[in-house]
Amino acid sequence: MSKKNKPDKSIDKSVKSNIQAVQSKIKNYQELLKEYHITDDHVTPKVILDKINEHLEYYIKILIQILQPEEFHSLHECTIFDDAEKAKIFEFYKNMMILHRELVKTHIKNTENDLITTIQYAHTEMKNYKPEMLKIIQKMQDSWKKQASNGRMKYFG
């Protein structure tokens, strides 16, 4: 192999040291990798933020199924929540949308400090969302265990 075809190891070392420098600035780095299913290969703050955003969008999609059901399973599951619970879920949804918009702003700014600060903030918020999401999903699951009167499905129209 000629010198031209060999990869420049100094570039690899430089990239690795830059990545390690950024990773050292991120609190709970290993926890983030585990929580958001990120492999340790060339992890950048933008990759972490994207993974957090994926999880957040998944949570938002679940809440939308309750607040604005369109699919059959959503039509069934939303009936288990009363108006007061739906109002609470909407407040929860609003908080998630505020966080989502913050992630979008950070992507647009695309500065290292903003990325790292937003990762820390978003991760804390996502950890706080988890228990409530588990309660909501449990209730959605429980809706399938209950049967409508006389075994018939309710009319949703």
C-alpha atoms as a PDB file:
ATOM      1  CA  MET A   1       0.000   0.000   0.000  1.00  0.00           C
ATOM      2  CA  SER A   2       1.450   3.355  -0.943  1.00  0.00           C
ATOM      3  CA  LYS A   3       1.618   6.315   1.401  1.00  0.00           C
ATOM      4  CA  LYS A   4      -1.262   7.929  -0.472  1.00  0.00           C
ATOM      5  CA  ASN A   5      -3.619   5.036   0.301  1.00  0.00           C
ATOM      6  CA  LYS A   6      -2.815   4.778   4.013  1.00  0.00           C
ATOM      7  CA  PRO A   7      -5.205   6.575   6.332  1.00  0.00           C
ATOM      8  CA  ASP A   8      -3.650   9.471   8.191  1.00  0.00           C
ATOM      9  CA  LYS A   9      -3.494   8.279  11.798  1.00  0.00           C
ATOM     10  CA  SER A  10      -2.837  11.802  13.073  1.00  0.00           C
ATOM     11  CA  ILE A  11      -6.273  12.821  11.808  1.00  0.00           C
ATOM     12  CA  ASP A  12      -7.864   9.850  13.579  1.00  0.00           C
ATOM     13  CA  LYS A  13      -6.106  10.803  16.812  1.00  0.00           C
ATOM     14  CA  SER A  14      -7.180  14.418  16.430  1.00  0.00           C
ATOM     15  CA  VAL A  15     -10.810  13.463  15.814  1.00  0.00           C
ATOM     16  CA  LYS A  16     -10.763  11.037  18.735  1.00  0.00           C
ATOM     17  CA  SER A  17      -9.263  13.618  21.077  1.00  0.00           C
ATOM     18  CA  ASN A  18     -11.870  16.199  20.016  1.00  0.00           C
ATOM     19  CA  ILE A  19     -14.659  13.698  20.621  1.00  0.00           C
ATOM     20  CA  GLN A  20     -13.212  12.756  23.999  1.00  0.00           C
ATOM     21  CA  ALA A  21     -12.903  16.420  24.968  1.00  0.00           C
ATOM     22  CA  VAL A  22     -16.559  17.022  24.165  1.00  0.00           C
ATOM     23  CA  GLN A  23     -17.641  13.813  25.905  1.00  0.00           C
ATOM     24  CA  SER A  24     -15.820  14.851  29.060  1.00  0.00           C
ATOM     25  CA  LYS A  25     -17.951  18.013  29.180  1.00  0.00           C
ATOM     26  CA  ILE A  26     -21.189  15.979  29.146  1.00  0.00           C
ATOM     27  CA  LYS A  27     -22.367  14.868  32.560  1.00  0.00           C
ATOM     28  CA  ASN A  28     -23.614  11.292  32.847  1.00  0.00           C
ATOM     29  CA  TYR A  29     -22.170  10.446  29.455  1.00  0.00           C
ATOM     30  CA  GLN A  30     -22.413   6.662  29.924  1.00  0.00           C
ATOM     31  CA  GLU A  31     -25.972   6.990  31.248  1.00  0.00           C
ATOM     32  CA  LEU A  32     -26.935   8.912  28.105  1.00  0.00           C
ATOM     33  CA  LEU A  33     -25.471   6.220  25.868  1.00  0.00           C
ATOM     34  CA  LYS A  34     -27.401   3.535  27.689  1.00  0.00           C
ATOM     35  CA  GLU A  35     -30.676   5.437  28.022  1.00  0.00           C
ATOM     36  CA  TYR A  36     -30.884   6.484  24.365  1.00  0.00           C
ATOM     37  CA  HIS A  37     -29.322   3.337  22.853  1.00  0.00           C
ATOM     38  CA  ILE A  38     -26.273   5.079  21.439  1.00  0.00           C
ATOM     39  CA  THR A  39     -23.152   3.198  20.465  1.00  0.00           C
ATOM     40  CA  ASP A  40     -19.867   4.663  21.635  1.00  0.00           C
ATOM     41  CA  ASP A  41     -18.446   4.975  18.098  1.00  0.00           C
ATOM     42  CA  HIS A  42     -17.811   8.607  17.186  1.00  0.00           C
ATOM     43  CA  VAL A  43     -20.467  10.008  19.474  1.00  0.00           C
ATOM     44  CA  THR A  44     -20.951  13.725  19.141  1.00  0.00           C
ATOM     45  CA  PRO A  45     -23.278  16.021  21.063  1.00  0.00           C
ATOM     46  CA  LYS A  46     -25.431  16.307  17.949  1.00  0.00           C
ATOM     47  CA  VAL A  47     -25.855  12.505  17.834  1.00  0.00           C
ATOM     48  CA  ILE A  48     -26.907  12.478  21.488  1.00  0.00           C
ATOM     49  CA  LEU A  49     -29.336  15.337  20.942  1.00  0.00           C
ATOM     50  CA  ASP A  50     -30.833  13.544  17.926  1.00  0.00           C
ATOM     51  CA  LYS A  51     -31.403  10.403  20.000  1.00  0.00           C
ATOM     52  CA  ILE A  52     -33.040  12.367  22.809  1.00  0.00           C
ATOM     53  CA  ASN A  53     -35.228  14.032  20.204  1.00  0.00           C
ATOM     54  CA  GLU A  54     -36.261  10.636  18.791  1.00  0.00           C
ATOM     55  CA  HIS A  55     -37.393   9.487  22.231  1.00  0.00           C
ATOM     56  CA  LEU A  56     -39.210  12.759  22.871  1.00  0.00           C
ATOM     57  CA  GLU A  57     -41.029  12.552  19.537  1.00  0.00           C
ATOM     58  CA  TYR A  58     -42.094   9.000  20.389  1.00  0.00           C
ATOM     59  CA  TYR A  59     -43.588  10.211  23.688  1.00  0.00           C
ATOM     60  CA  ILE A  60     -45.337  13.078  21.892  1.00  0.00           C
ATOM     61  CA  LYS A  61     -46.806  10.650  19.344  1.00  0.00           C
ATOM     62  CA  ILE A  62     -48.272   8.552  22.156  1.00  0.00           C
ATOM     63  CA  LEU A  63     -49.893  11.601  23.762  1.00  0.00           C
ATOM     64  CA  ILE A  64     -51.321  12.736  20.420  1.00  0.00           C
ATOM     65  CA  GLN A  65     -53.002   9.330  20.110  1.00  0.00           C
ATOM     66  CA  ILE A  66     -54.914  10.166  23.285  1.00  0.00           C
ATOM     67  CA  LEU A  67     -55.596  13.827  22.552  1.00  0.00           C
ATOM     68  CA  GLN A  68     -56.416  13.459  18.841  1.00  0.00           C
ATOM     69  CA  PRO A  69     -57.071   9.780  18.092  1.00  0.00           C
ATOM     70  CA  GLU A  70     -57.320   8.754  14.459  1.00  0.00           C
ATOM     71  CA  GLU A  71     -56.404   5.084  14.370  1.00  0.00           C
ATOM     72  CA  PHE A  72     -58.670   2.332  15.666  1.00  0.00           C
ATOM     73  CA  HIS A  73     -56.445   1.377  18.583  1.00  0.00           C
ATOM     74  CA  SER A  74     -56.193   5.043  19.615  1.00  0.00           C
ATOM     75  CA  LEU A  75     -59.956   5.468  19.438  1.00  0.00           C
ATOM     76  CA  HIS A  76     -60.334   2.585  21.846  1.00  0.00           C
ATOM     77  CA  GLU A  77     -57.530   3.585  24.216  1.00  0.00           C
ATOM     78  CA  CYS A  78     -58.513   7.233  24.532  1.00  0.00           C
ATOM     79  CA  THR A  79     -61.931   6.305  25.947  1.00  0.00           C
ATOM     80  CA  ILE A  80     -60.340   5.163  29.195  1.00  0.00           C
ATOM     81  CA  PHE A  81     -59.222   8.745  29.991  1.00  0.00           C
ATOM     82  CA  ASP A  82     -61.788  11.173  31.374  1.00  0.00           C
ATOM     83  CA  ASP A  83     -61.800  14.897  30.543  1.00  0.00           C
ATOM     84  CA  ALA A  84     -59.770  15.838  33.638  1.00  0.00           C
ATOM     85  CA  GLU A  85     -57.092  13.278  32.746  1.00  0.00           C
ATOM     86  CA  LYS A  86     -57.016  14.493  29.157  1.00  0.00           C
ATOM     87  CA  ALA A  87     -56.543  18.063  30.395  1.00  0.00           C
ATOM     88  CA  LYS A  88     -53.598  16.891  32.500  1.00  0.00           C
ATOM     89  CA  ILE A  89     -52.196  14.973  29.523  1.00  0.00           C
ATOM     90  CA  PHE A  90     -52.498  18.127  27.411  1.00  0.00           C
ATOM     91  CA  GLU A  91     -50.432  20.064  29.977  1.00  0.00           C
ATOM     92  CA  PHE A  92     -47.867  17.273  29.864  1.00  0.00           C
ATOM     93  CA  TYR A  93     -47.927  17.454  26.050  1.00  0.00           C
ATOM     94  CA  LYS A  94     -47.384  21.226  26.155  1.00  0.00           C
ATOM     95  CA  ASN A  95     -44.275  20.771  28.290  1.00  0.00           C
ATOM     96  CA  MET A  96     -42.943  18.204  25.852  1.00  0.00           C
ATOM     97  CA  MET A  97     -43.576  20.533  22.920  1.00  0.00           C
ATOM     98  CA  ILE A  98     -41.675  23.324  24.678  1.00  0.00           C
ATOM     99  CA  LEU A  99     -38.744  20.940  25.122  1.00  0.00           C
ATOM    100  CA  HIS A 100     -39.050  19.795  21.514  1.00  0.00           C
ATOM    101  CA  ARG A 101     -38.854  23.384  20.263  1.00  0.00           C
ATOM    102  CA  GLU A 102     -35.805  23.932  22.466  1.00  0.00           C
ATOM    103  CA  LEU A 103     -34.114  20.969  20.781  1.00  0.00           C
ATOM    104  CA  VAL A 104     -34.936  22.411  17.361  1.00  0.00           C
ATOM    105  CA  LYS A 105     -33.496  25.799  18.328  1.00  0.00           C
ATOM    106  CA  THR A 106     -30.326  24.111  19.550  1.00  0.00           C
ATOM    107  CA  HIS A 107     -29.978  22.233  16.273  1.00  0.00           C
ATOM    108  CA  ILE A 108     -30.279  25.509  14.405  1.00  0.00           C
ATOM    109  CA  LYS A 109     -27.737  27.311  16.608  1.00  0.00           C
ATOM    110  CA  ASN A 110     -25.400  24.310  16.384  1.00  0.00           C
ATOM    111  CA  THR A 111     -22.831  25.527  18.899  1.00  0.00           C
ATOM    112  CA  GLU A 112     -21.016  23.136  21.194  1.00  0.00           C
ATOM    113  CA  ASN A 113     -22.043  24.947  24.383  1.00  0.00           C
ATOM    114  CA  ASP A 114     -25.711  25.077  23.376  1.00  0.00           C
ATOM    115  CA  LEU A 115     -25.660  21.412  22.419  1.00  0.00           C
ATOM    116  CA  ILE A 116     -24.126  20.328  25.709  1.00  0.00           C
ATOM    117  CA  THR A 117     -26.373  22.562  27.831  1.00  0.00           C
ATOM    118  CA  THR A 118     -29.486  21.374  26.002  1.00  0.00           C
ATOM    119  CA  ILE A 119     -28.453  17.717  26.286  1.00  0.00           C
ATOM    120  CA  GLN A 120     -28.182  18.059  30.064  1.00  0.00           C
ATOM    121  CA  TYR A 121     -31.501  19.901  30.323  1.00  0.00           C
ATOM    122  CA  ALA A 122     -33.352  17.572  27.952  1.00  0.00           C
ATOM    123  CA  HIS A 123     -32.050  14.442  29.624  1.00  0.00           C
ATOM    124  CA  THR A 124     -33.222  15.674  33.019  1.00  0.00           C
ATOM    125  CA  GLU A 125     -36.653  16.468  31.597  1.00  0.00           C
ATOM    126  CA  MET A 126     -36.898  13.096  29.864  1.00  0.00           C
ATOM    127  CA  LYS A 127     -36.076  11.302  33.113  1.00  0.00           C
ATOM    128  CA  ASN A 128     -38.867  13.284  34.774  1.00  0.00           C
ATOM    129  CA  TYR A 129     -41.307  12.357  31.979  1.00  0.00           C
ATOM    130  CA  LYS A 130     -40.709   8.619  32.251  1.00  0.00           C
ATOM    131  CA  PRO A 131     -42.848   7.825  35.333  1.00  0.00           C
ATOM    132  CA  GLU A 132     -45.847   9.722  33.962  1.00  0.00           C
ATOM    133  CA  MET A 133     -45.454   8.113  30.535  1.00  0.00           C
ATOM    134  CA  LEU A 134     -45.388   4.682  32.161  1.00  0.00           C
ATOM    135  CA  LYS A 135     -48.655   5.464  34.003  1.00  0.00           C
ATOM    136  CA  ILE A 136     -50.293   6.655  30.785  1.00  0.00           C
ATOM    137  CA  ILE A 137     -49.156   3.625  28.794  1.00  0.00           C
ATOM    138  CA  GLN A 138     -50.243   1.287  31.575  1.00  0.00           C
ATOM    139  CA  LYS A 139     -53.694   2.845  31.474  1.00  0.00           C
ATOM    140  CA  MET A 140     -53.773   2.497  27.681  1.00  0.00           C
ATOM    141  CA  GLN A 141     -52.835  -1.158  28.029  1.00  0.00           C
ATOM    142  CA  ASP A 142     -55.486  -1.655  30.715  1.00  0.00           C
ATOM    143  CA  SER A 143     -58.123  -0.305  28.323  1.00  0.00           C
ATOM    144  CA  TRP A 144     -57.757  -3.534  26.365  1.00  0.00           C
ATOM    145  CA  LYS A 145     -58.506  -5.593  29.452  1.00  0.00           C
ATOM    146  CA  LYS A 146     -61.845  -3.884  29.974  1.00  0.00           C
ATOM    147  CA  GLN A 147     -64.788  -4.871  27.903  1.00  0.00           C
ATOM    148  CA  ALA A 148     -67.543  -2.558  26.719  1.00  0.00           C
ATOM    149  CA  SER A 149     -71.003  -3.344  28.023  1.00  0.00           C
ATOM    150  CA  ASN A 150     -72.433  -6.575  26.591  1.00  0.00           C
ATOM    151  CA  GLY A 151     -69.177  -7.267  24.750  1.00  0.00           C
ATOM    152  CA  ARG A 152     -69.761  -4.696  22.004  1.00  0.00           C
ATOM    153  CA  MET A 153     -67.470  -1.903  21.038  1.00  0.00           C
ATOM    154  CA  LYS A 154     -68.632   1.608  21.809  1.00  0.00           C
ATOM    155  CA  TYR A 155     -69.583   3.935  19.003  1.00  0.00           C
ATOM    156  CA  PHE A 156     -66.821   6.533  18.587  1.00  0.00           C
ATOM    157  CA  GLY A 157     -68.541   8.958  16.242  1.00  0.00           C
END
